[in-house]
Amino acid sequence: MSGKMIRFMRITKGLKQSELAKKIKLADSTLAHYESDYRAITLETAKNIAKACDFEIVFVDKNTGKSYKFEDVQRVSYDTRVRSRKK
């Protein structure tokens, strides 16, 4: 996720960096690094930021138009790991 997207969500919600960082239990500097693309962000942290800003991460298949929520992506990842262990 791009730092610009994180910043957009935060500003749209009307939060200062320090307010959002406190809300999601991150250091102010860590959030600043995410927003400046200085530090890579995990999908889980991006989800937490989106949730705190009243946004939702959705993936859209450009071919089918079908949308998938973050939870769908987690479930597929888990299902894939479980199936590979059973072999």
C-alpha atoms as a PDB file:
ATOM      1  CA  MET A   1       0.000   0.000   0.000  1.00  0.00           C
ATOM      2  CA  SER A   2       1.291   3.412  -0.931  1.00  0.00           C
ATOM      3  CA  GLY A   3       2.123   6.003   1.689  1.00  0.00           C
ATOM      4  CA  LYS A   4      -0.043   8.438  -0.273  1.00  0.00           C
ATOM      5  CA  MET A   5      -3.051   6.194   0.273  1.00  0.00           C
ATOM      6  CA  ILE A   6      -2.366   6.003   4.003  1.00  0.00           C
ATOM      7  CA  ARG A   7      -2.015   9.773   4.192  1.00  0.00           C
ATOM      8  CA  PHE A   8      -5.216  10.238   2.169  1.00  0.00           C
ATOM      9  CA  MET A   9      -7.198   8.049   4.579  1.00  0.00           C
ATOM     10  CA  ARG A  10      -5.774   9.838   7.615  1.00  0.00           C
ATOM     11  CA  ILE A  11      -6.415  13.337   6.277  1.00  0.00           C
ATOM     12  CA  THR A  12      -9.893  12.395   5.034  1.00  0.00           C
ATOM     13  CA  LYS A  13     -10.700  11.187   8.556  1.00  0.00           C
ATOM     14  CA  GLY A  14      -9.331  14.481   9.941  1.00  0.00           C
ATOM     15  CA  LEU A  15      -6.625  12.888  12.063  1.00  0.00           C
ATOM     16  CA  LYS A  16      -3.104  14.058  12.844  1.00  0.00           C
ATOM     17  CA  GLN A  17      -0.327  11.503  12.463  1.00  0.00           C
ATOM     18  CA  SER A  18       0.073  11.330  16.233  1.00  0.00           C
ATOM     19  CA  GLU A  19      -3.668  10.738  16.733  1.00  0.00           C
ATOM     20  CA  LEU A  20      -3.821   7.902  14.226  1.00  0.00           C
ATOM     21  CA  ALA A  21      -0.597   6.360  15.527  1.00  0.00           C
ATOM     22  CA  LYS A  22      -1.973   6.341  19.059  1.00  0.00           C
ATOM     23  CA  LYS A  23      -5.289   4.898  17.867  1.00  0.00           C
ATOM     24  CA  ILE A  24      -3.597   1.895  16.231  1.00  0.00           C
ATOM     25  CA  LYS A  25      -0.778   1.599  18.779  1.00  0.00           C
ATOM     26  CA  LEU A  26       2.130   2.584  16.531  1.00  0.00           C
ATOM     27  CA  ALA A  27       4.993   4.957  17.179  1.00  0.00           C
ATOM     28  CA  ASP A  28       4.479   8.343  15.490  1.00  0.00           C
ATOM     29  CA  SER A  29       7.743   7.847  13.602  1.00  0.00           C
ATOM     30  CA  THR A  30       6.609   4.464  12.265  1.00  0.00           C
ATOM     31  CA  LEU A  31       3.436   5.958  10.803  1.00  0.00           C
ATOM     32  CA  ALA A  32       5.468   8.819   9.339  1.00  0.00           C
ATOM     33  CA  HIS A  33       7.784   6.272   7.704  1.00  0.00           C
ATOM     34  CA  TYR A  34       4.819   4.437   6.203  1.00  0.00           C
ATOM     35  CA  GLU A  35       3.383   7.673   4.806  1.00  0.00           C
ATOM     36  CA  SER A  36       6.701   8.672   3.265  1.00  0.00           C
ATOM     37  CA  ASP A  37       7.225   5.168   1.807  1.00  0.00           C
ATOM     38  CA  TYR A  38      10.463   4.989   3.797  1.00  0.00           C
ATOM     39  CA  ARG A  39       9.307   1.798   5.459  1.00  0.00           C
ATOM     40  CA  ALA A  40       7.335  -1.116   3.991  1.00  0.00           C
ATOM     41  CA  ILE A  41       3.942  -1.799   5.525  1.00  0.00           C
ATOM     42  CA  THR A  42       2.331  -5.170   6.136  1.00  0.00           C
ATOM     43  CA  LEU A  43      -1.148  -5.856   4.837  1.00  0.00           C
ATOM     44  CA  GLU A  44      -2.334  -6.410   8.407  1.00  0.00           C
ATOM     45  CA  THR A  45      -1.115  -2.942   9.482  1.00  0.00           C
ATOM     46  CA  ALA A  46      -2.644  -1.375   6.380  1.00  0.00           C
ATOM     47  CA  LYS A  47      -5.945  -3.025   7.312  1.00  0.00           C
ATOM     48  CA  ASN A  48      -5.703  -1.611  10.837  1.00  0.00           C
ATOM     49  CA  ILE A  49      -5.031   1.878   9.496  1.00  0.00           C
ATOM     50  CA  ALA A  50      -7.929   1.629   7.055  1.00  0.00           C
ATOM     51  CA  LYS A  51     -10.262   0.403   9.787  1.00  0.00           C
ATOM     52  CA  ALA A  52      -9.229   3.239  12.133  1.00  0.00           C
ATOM     53  CA  CYS A  53      -9.991   5.722   9.339  1.00  0.00           C
ATOM     54  CA  ASP A  54     -13.339   4.081   8.451  1.00  0.00           C
ATOM     55  CA  PHE A  55     -12.075   2.696   5.137  1.00  0.00           C
ATOM     56  CA  GLU A  56     -12.019  -0.862   3.863  1.00  0.00           C
ATOM     57  CA  ILE A  57      -9.355  -2.536   1.746  1.00  0.00           C
ATOM     58  CA  VAL A  58     -10.977  -4.196  -1.258  1.00  0.00           C
ATOM     59  CA  PHE A  59      -9.307  -6.005  -4.144  1.00  0.00           C
ATOM     60  CA  VAL A  60     -11.121  -5.958  -7.494  1.00  0.00           C
ATOM     61  CA  ASP A  61     -10.517  -8.513 -10.237  1.00  0.00           C
ATOM     62  CA  LYS A  62     -10.286  -6.373 -13.368  1.00  0.00           C
ATOM     63  CA  ASN A  63     -11.416  -9.242 -15.598  1.00  0.00           C
ATOM     64  CA  THR A  64     -14.509 -10.293 -13.697  1.00  0.00           C
ATOM     65  CA  GLY A  65     -15.276  -7.193 -11.661  1.00  0.00           C
ATOM     66  CA  LYS A  66     -15.573  -9.371  -8.569  1.00  0.00           C
ATOM     67  CA  SER A  67     -14.382  -7.723  -5.366  1.00  0.00           C
ATOM     68  CA  TYR A  68     -12.640  -9.379  -2.449  1.00  0.00           C
ATOM     69  CA  LYS A  69     -12.326  -8.016   1.066  1.00  0.00           C
ATOM     70  CA  PHE A  70      -9.191  -8.301   3.164  1.00  0.00           C
ATOM     71  CA  GLU A  71     -10.714 -11.227   5.058  1.00  0.00           C
ATOM     72  CA  ASP A  72     -11.179 -13.138   1.781  1.00  0.00           C
ATOM     73  CA  VAL A  73      -7.474 -12.735   1.012  1.00  0.00           C
ATOM     74  CA  GLN A  74      -6.516 -14.009   4.468  1.00  0.00           C
ATOM     75  CA  ARG A  75      -8.795 -17.036   4.092  1.00  0.00           C
ATOM     76  CA  VAL A  76      -7.329 -17.971   0.691  1.00  0.00           C
ATOM     77  CA  SER A  77      -3.806 -17.658   2.071  1.00  0.00           C
ATOM     78  CA  TYR A  78      -4.683 -19.889   5.025  1.00  0.00           C
ATOM     79  CA  ASP A  79      -6.488 -22.447   2.837  1.00  0.00           C
ATOM     80  CA  THR A  80      -3.463 -22.662   0.528  1.00  0.00           C
ATOM     81  CA  ARG A  81      -1.086 -23.323   3.451  1.00  0.00           C
ATOM     82  CA  VAL A  82      -3.358 -26.001   4.898  1.00  0.00           C
ATOM     83  CA  ARG A  83      -3.743 -27.797   1.555  1.00  0.00           C
ATOM     84  CA  SER A  84       0.029 -27.799   0.933  1.00  0.00           C
ATOM     85  CA  ARG A  85       0.664 -29.455   4.342  1.00  0.00           C
ATOM     86  CA  LYS A  86      -1.784 -32.283   3.633  1.00  0.00           C
ATOM     87  CA  LYS A  87       0.165 -33.502   0.592  1.00  0.00           C
END
